[in-house]
Structures are given as C-alpha cells and as structure tokens.
Protein backbone atom coordinates (compact mmCIF):
# COMPACT_ATOMS: atom_id res chain seq x y z
CA MET A 1 96.19 67.53 131.96
CA PHE A 2 95.56 68.12 135.67
CA LYS A 3 93.17 65.86 137.52
CA PRO A 4 90.49 68.06 139.14
CA ALA A 5 91.61 67.42 142.74
CA ALA A 6 95.24 68.16 141.91
CA LEU A 7 94.30 71.37 140.09
CA GLU A 8 92.22 72.55 143.03
CA LEU A 9 95.19 72.04 145.33
CA ILE A 10 97.36 74.15 143.01
CA LYS A 11 94.69 76.89 142.91
CA LYS A 12 94.07 76.92 146.67
CA LYS A 13 94.78 80.31 148.29
CA ARG A 14 96.40 81.54 145.06
CA ALA A 15 94.76 84.78 143.96
CA ASN A 16 97.07 85.08 140.94
CA PHE A 17 96.21 81.72 139.36
CA ASP A 18 95.11 83.41 136.11
CA GLN A 19 98.59 84.96 135.87
CA ILE A 20 100.19 81.53 136.31
CA ALA A 21 97.94 80.13 133.59
CA GLU A 22 99.16 82.95 131.34
CA PHE A 23 102.78 82.05 132.07
CA CYS A 24 102.07 78.45 131.02
CA GLU A 25 100.99 79.78 127.62
CA SER A 26 103.50 82.60 127.22
CA PRO A 27 107.23 82.14 127.83
CA LYS A 28 107.72 85.87 127.17
CA ALA A 29 105.37 86.73 130.04
CA PHE A 30 107.17 84.27 132.29
CA LEU A 31 110.57 85.72 131.39
CA ARG A 32 109.30 89.16 132.40
CA HIS A 33 108.20 87.62 135.71
CA LEU A 34 111.67 86.14 136.23
CA ASP A 35 113.23 89.53 135.50
CA ALA A 36 111.05 91.16 138.14
CA ALA A 37 112.03 88.49 140.67
CA GLY A 38 115.76 88.84 139.97
CA ILE A 39 116.10 85.35 138.47
CA HIS A 40 118.19 84.83 135.34
CA ARG A 41 117.63 81.13 134.56
CA ALA A 42 114.96 78.61 135.56
CA VAL A 43 114.57 74.86 135.22
CA LEU A 44 110.94 74.12 134.33
CA ILE A 45 109.93 70.85 135.97
CA ASN A 46 107.64 68.40 134.17
CA TYR A 47 107.08 64.70 134.74
CA VAL A 48 104.70 61.88 133.80
CA ALA A 49 102.20 60.78 136.47
CA PRO A 50 98.77 60.00 134.97
CA GLU A 51 97.33 58.23 138.02
CA VAL A 52 97.98 60.92 140.65
CA ILE A 53 98.37 64.26 138.84
CA GLY A 54 97.18 63.54 135.31
CA PHE A 55 100.37 64.39 133.42
CA THR A 56 101.08 62.27 130.33
CA SER A 57 104.18 62.03 128.15
CA GLY A 58 102.80 65.01 126.24
CA VAL A 59 104.67 67.19 128.75
CA ASN A 60 107.91 66.51 126.86
CA GLN A 61 106.85 68.09 123.56
CA TYR A 62 105.18 70.93 125.49
CA ILE A 63 108.29 71.91 127.44
CA ALA A 64 110.59 71.48 124.44
CA ASP A 65 108.44 73.90 122.46
CA TYR A 66 108.12 76.32 125.39
CA THR A 67 111.83 76.63 126.07
CA LYS A 68 112.64 77.37 122.41
CA GLU A 69 111.67 80.97 123.19
CA CYS A 70 114.87 81.44 125.20
CA PRO A 71 116.92 78.25 125.66
CA GLY A 72 119.71 80.15 127.38
CA ARG A 73 117.39 81.07 130.26
CA LEU A 74 114.68 78.39 130.22
CA ILE A 75 115.96 74.86 130.88
CA SER A 76 113.68 71.99 129.91
CA CYS A 77 112.88 69.14 132.28
CA GLY A 78 110.73 66.30 131.02
CA GLY A 79 109.71 62.89 132.22
CA LEU A 80 109.42 59.18 131.55
CA HIS A 81 107.19 56.67 133.34
CA PRO A 82 108.39 53.05 133.35
CA ARG A 83 104.87 51.65 133.75
CA HIS A 84 103.18 53.95 131.24
CA THR A 85 105.12 53.21 128.10
CA SER A 86 104.58 50.85 125.21
CA ASN A 87 108.12 51.39 123.94
CA ILE A 88 110.62 52.79 126.45
CA LEU A 89 113.38 52.96 123.83
CA ALA A 90 111.20 55.18 121.63
CA ASP A 91 110.32 57.36 124.62
CA VAL A 92 113.99 57.76 125.52
CA GLU A 93 114.75 58.60 121.89
CA GLN A 94 112.13 61.36 122.01
CA ILE A 95 113.76 62.86 125.12
CA LEU A 96 117.10 62.91 123.30
CA ARG A 97 115.64 64.26 120.06
CA LEU A 98 113.86 67.08 121.91
CA LYS A 99 117.11 67.93 123.73
CA ILE A 100 115.41 67.70 127.13
CA ARG A 101 118.03 68.84 129.66
CA MET A 102 116.81 66.98 132.75
CA ILE A 103 114.54 64.01 133.51
CA LYS A 104 112.22 64.04 136.53
CA ILE A 105 111.25 60.83 138.32
CA HIS A 106 108.56 61.28 140.99
CA PRO A 107 108.32 58.05 143.00
CA PRO A 108 105.34 59.05 145.24
CA HIS A 109 103.34 60.09 142.17
CA GLN A 110 104.60 57.36 139.81
CA LEU A 111 104.04 54.74 142.51
CA LEU A 112 107.40 53.01 142.34
CA TYR A 113 110.76 52.94 144.09
CA PRO A 114 113.66 54.57 142.26
CA ASN A 115 115.64 51.30 142.54
CA ASP A 116 112.84 49.10 141.20
CA TYR A 117 115.08 48.09 138.30
CA LEU A 118 116.37 45.59 140.88
CA ASN A 119 112.81 44.21 141.11
CA GLY A 120 112.09 43.66 137.43
CA VAL A 121 111.25 47.19 136.25
CA LYS A 122 113.88 47.11 133.52
CA GLU A 123 112.51 50.29 131.93
CA LEU A 124 114.08 52.23 134.81
CA GLU A 125 117.50 50.84 134.01
CA ILE A 126 117.08 51.86 130.36
CA ILE A 127 116.20 55.41 131.45
CA TYR A 128 119.19 55.64 133.76
CA ARG A 129 121.61 54.17 131.20
CA ALA A 130 120.44 56.71 128.62
CA ALA A 131 120.75 59.59 131.08
CA GLU A 132 124.22 58.45 132.12
CA ALA A 133 125.42 58.03 128.53
CA ASN A 134 124.08 61.40 127.39
CA GLY A 135 124.97 63.52 130.41
CA ILE A 136 121.36 64.26 131.35
CA PRO A 137 120.79 64.85 135.10
CA VAL A 138 117.91 62.99 136.72
CA MET A 139 115.90 64.67 139.46
CA PHE A 140 114.01 62.51 141.97
CA HIS A 141 111.27 63.78 144.22
CA THR A 142 112.30 62.91 147.76
CA GLY A 143 110.11 63.50 150.79
CA THR A 144 106.36 63.57 151.14
CA SER A 145 103.55 64.73 148.87
CA ILE A 146 100.12 66.04 149.88
CA PHE A 147 98.41 65.32 146.55
CA ALA A 148 95.53 62.86 146.60
CA GLY A 149 96.67 59.36 145.65
CA ALA A 150 100.36 59.95 146.38
CA ARG A 151 102.14 57.07 148.18
CA ASN A 152 104.73 58.57 150.48
CA LYS A 153 106.58 55.35 151.24
CA TYR A 154 108.25 55.81 147.85
CA GLY A 155 109.71 59.18 148.89
CA ASP A 156 112.50 57.91 151.17
CA PRO A 157 115.77 59.04 149.53
CA MET A 158 117.68 56.01 150.85
CA TYR A 159 116.40 53.97 147.89
CA LEU A 160 118.63 56.21 145.77
CA ASP A 161 121.72 54.78 147.43
CA ASP A 162 121.42 51.81 145.04
CA VAL A 163 120.95 54.14 142.08
CA ALA A 164 124.02 56.22 142.94
CA VAL A 165 126.12 53.05 143.29
CA ASP A 166 124.86 51.38 140.12
CA PHE A 167 124.96 54.51 137.92
CA PRO A 168 127.97 56.44 139.19
CA LYS A 169 128.23 58.72 136.14
CA MET A 170 124.60 59.88 136.32
CA ASN A 171 124.07 63.17 138.13
CA ILE A 172 121.27 62.66 140.67
CA LEU A 173 119.32 65.56 142.20
CA LEU A 174 117.41 65.04 145.43
CA ALA A 175 114.45 67.36 145.00
CA HIS A 176 113.32 68.86 148.32
CA GLY A 177 116.03 67.11 150.33
CA GLY A 178 113.68 64.44 151.71
CA ARG A 179 111.67 67.01 153.63
CA PRO A 180 110.07 66.84 156.15
CA LEU A 181 110.99 63.31 157.28
CA TRP A 182 114.27 62.18 155.69
CA MET A 183 116.71 65.11 155.71
CA HIS A 184 119.38 63.09 157.57
CA SER A 185 119.24 60.38 154.90
CA ALA A 186 119.56 62.99 152.17
CA PHE A 187 122.56 64.60 153.89
CA PHE A 188 124.24 61.20 154.19
CA LEU A 189 123.75 60.47 150.48
CA LEU A 190 125.13 63.87 149.51
CA ARG A 191 128.30 63.28 151.49
CA ARG A 192 128.70 59.67 150.36
CA HIS A 193 128.19 59.94 146.61
CA PRO A 194 130.04 62.35 144.28
CA ASN A 195 127.16 62.23 141.79
CA VAL A 196 124.37 63.20 144.24
CA PHE A 197 123.18 66.83 144.53
CA LEU A 198 120.64 68.64 146.72
CA ASP A 199 117.78 70.76 145.39
CA ILE A 200 116.30 72.96 148.14
CA SER A 201 113.03 73.73 146.36
CA GLY A 202 109.89 73.18 148.38
CA ILE A 203 111.73 73.97 151.64
CA PRO A 204 110.75 77.36 153.09
CA PRO A 205 114.07 79.24 153.23
CA LYS A 206 113.45 80.32 156.82
CA THR A 207 113.45 76.65 157.88
CA LEU A 208 116.30 75.55 155.60
CA LEU A 209 119.04 75.66 158.24
CA ARG A 210 116.84 73.77 160.67
CA TYR A 211 116.53 71.00 158.09
CA PHE A 212 120.19 71.21 156.98
CA PRO A 213 122.23 72.87 159.77
CA ARG A 214 125.48 71.87 158.00
CA LEU A 215 124.45 73.37 154.67
CA GLU A 216 127.77 75.19 154.27
CA GLU A 217 129.51 71.78 154.06
CA ILE A 218 127.44 70.75 151.06
CA ALA A 219 127.01 74.14 149.37
CA HIS A 220 129.16 72.94 146.46
CA LYS A 221 126.51 70.28 145.74
CA THR A 222 123.39 72.36 146.48
CA LEU A 223 121.05 74.18 144.07
CA PHE A 224 118.55 76.92 144.84
CA GLY A 225 114.99 76.29 143.73
CA THR A 226 111.47 77.23 144.77
CA ASP A 227 108.94 74.61 143.56
CA TRP A 228 106.74 77.55 142.54
CA PRO A 229 103.81 77.53 141.82
CA GLY A 230 103.39 74.42 143.95
CA PRO A 231 101.32 74.42 147.13
CA GLY A 232 102.83 76.52 149.89
CA VAL A 233 105.21 78.49 147.62
CA PRO A 234 103.66 81.95 147.24
CA ASP A 235 106.33 83.79 145.27
CA ILE A 236 109.69 83.17 143.58
CA GLY A 237 111.12 86.55 144.55
CA LYS A 238 110.18 86.14 148.20
CA ASN A 239 111.95 82.77 148.35
CA LEU A 240 115.04 84.37 146.86
CA ARG A 241 115.00 87.27 149.34
CA ASP A 242 114.43 84.94 152.29
CA PHE A 243 117.32 82.75 151.17
CA GLN A 244 119.65 85.74 150.77
CA ALA A 245 118.82 86.78 154.35
CA LEU A 246 120.10 83.48 155.83
CA PRO A 247 123.27 83.54 157.99
CA LEU A 248 125.41 81.82 155.36
CA SER A 249 128.69 83.01 153.90
CA GLU A 250 128.42 84.99 150.67
CA GLU A 251 130.56 82.31 149.03
CA ALA A 252 128.03 79.61 149.99
CA LYS A 253 125.09 81.72 148.85
CA GLN A 254 126.61 82.34 145.42
CA GLN A 255 127.48 78.66 145.10
CA ILE A 256 123.90 77.62 145.86
CA LEU A 257 122.26 80.37 143.80
CA SER A 258 124.36 79.98 140.66
CA ARG A 259 127.54 77.97 140.54
CA THR A 260 126.20 74.47 141.25
CA ALA A 261 123.55 74.87 138.55
CA LEU A 262 126.17 76.18 136.11
CA ARG A 263 128.13 73.00 136.73
CA LEU A 264 125.12 70.93 135.61
CA TRP A 265 123.88 73.26 132.84
CA PRO A 266 126.75 75.46 131.61
CA ALA A 267 125.63 78.80 130.22
C-alpha cells in the first residue's frame, strides 16, 4: 500500500529491509525476531492514511489475520479515517468484529485535528464513542512527521485536552510524547487526565530523560515502545538495551516495560 516516497523513506539506510518484508508476511519469523530481542509481546501499529502514506482500511483485515498466529503475544492495532469512509458505523463494526485491540489516529497523516468532532467531523465522535464503550484504547500520533505530505500543525498534543475531557472513559495514548516540539504539553496532559498515557516509541532512549526529566513521576502511565521499523529506529533490541541502561529505578523500568501495557491489554 505504500506510496513510493514513503516506502523509500522506510528503506533508507536499512540494509535488512528484505528481512522486514519477510516479517510482514510471516508472523512466525517475526516472533523469532522478538525472542532474539528479548521482547515477549508487541503491539503492531496500523492506521489509515491514503493521502500521505497510502494505507487504506485494508490494514484492519491484514492485522487481524496476522495476529491470529499468536494473539497472546501479537496485539492488533488498526485504524479508521473520518474523511475516508462511506459508512463510519460499518467501519466501526468491522473493527469490533475483527477484535482489533487498539485504534490509531494519525493527525499529521490524516490531515485533521483530533478534536475536529467539535468542528463538524462527527465521524470522529462515533469512533471515540465506540472505543469508549468497548474498552478499546486509542493511540494518537503526537509530534512531528518527516514523511512527504504530512502536516505537522496537527501533531500538537494539546488538541487532545478536549478529547480527554469529552471522553473520560477512553484510554488515550500519546504516541511519541509530542517529540521533538511539544513534550511539555504532553507531560501536562499526562498529569491532568487519568485516562491519558505516554508511549515513548520514536524517542531515542538516550535522549528520553532530556525530553522527560520527570519520567519517574509518570512511570505508572508510560509504555515502552520503539516505532521500529520506522525511520531512525535501527533495532528493537538496541532500544531495549539503551532503555535498560537509563538511570531510572528498577521499579520504574519494570512499570514502563511491562506493567502499564498489562493494565491496557491484560495477558
């Protein structure tokens, strides 16, 4: 589904791209890769963004089929696009029928604000109501994107303040913590709203404490992630080792590596 420019960015400086392509076809091969990296469970992120990346709603059936290989270890994340649907209720029904375990909204790639239900995009409200009613977390890309066609004004996490207020029972994940421009806004939202969580994927672990110097305070709401095989993320295992080397308490590390995710997706 990738647009050519987006695919080239994924391939850039990645000698093992053929291996990644194999993982996309073979969950068994990917599980072996996770074993080698010391990772037990992974959330596999998919979303709908035909204009910028090329992804269509076909990602939902794909990831549902893929995770059937080992649903205890592979957690499905699918997507919905408010402006690329002819029947949002049917699309939501498919997400529920496929037992998708998280929904990803990517404002800079979907070219909308996450609170645009206040501006007439009623499909967003339907998505959030369904997620809230069915206990499905919703992850939002926050921060910038380097992909061609992305609109970074949509990446400011402060627009999620409305969402957290209006949908207080929906678990909201701030992917990438607003990096590299809006970490302070993300930290504020995490401390203000009980239903807001931080995903640290896409942040090089060696810079994590520069971005979030008070990470220990929010460890109970923080999840480890890598954003691999996205641009600038060379290896899952290296991210894990670099994170484990940070000067954090062992309690905080275990919380971020396992316990927060177990709260959202019990084993």
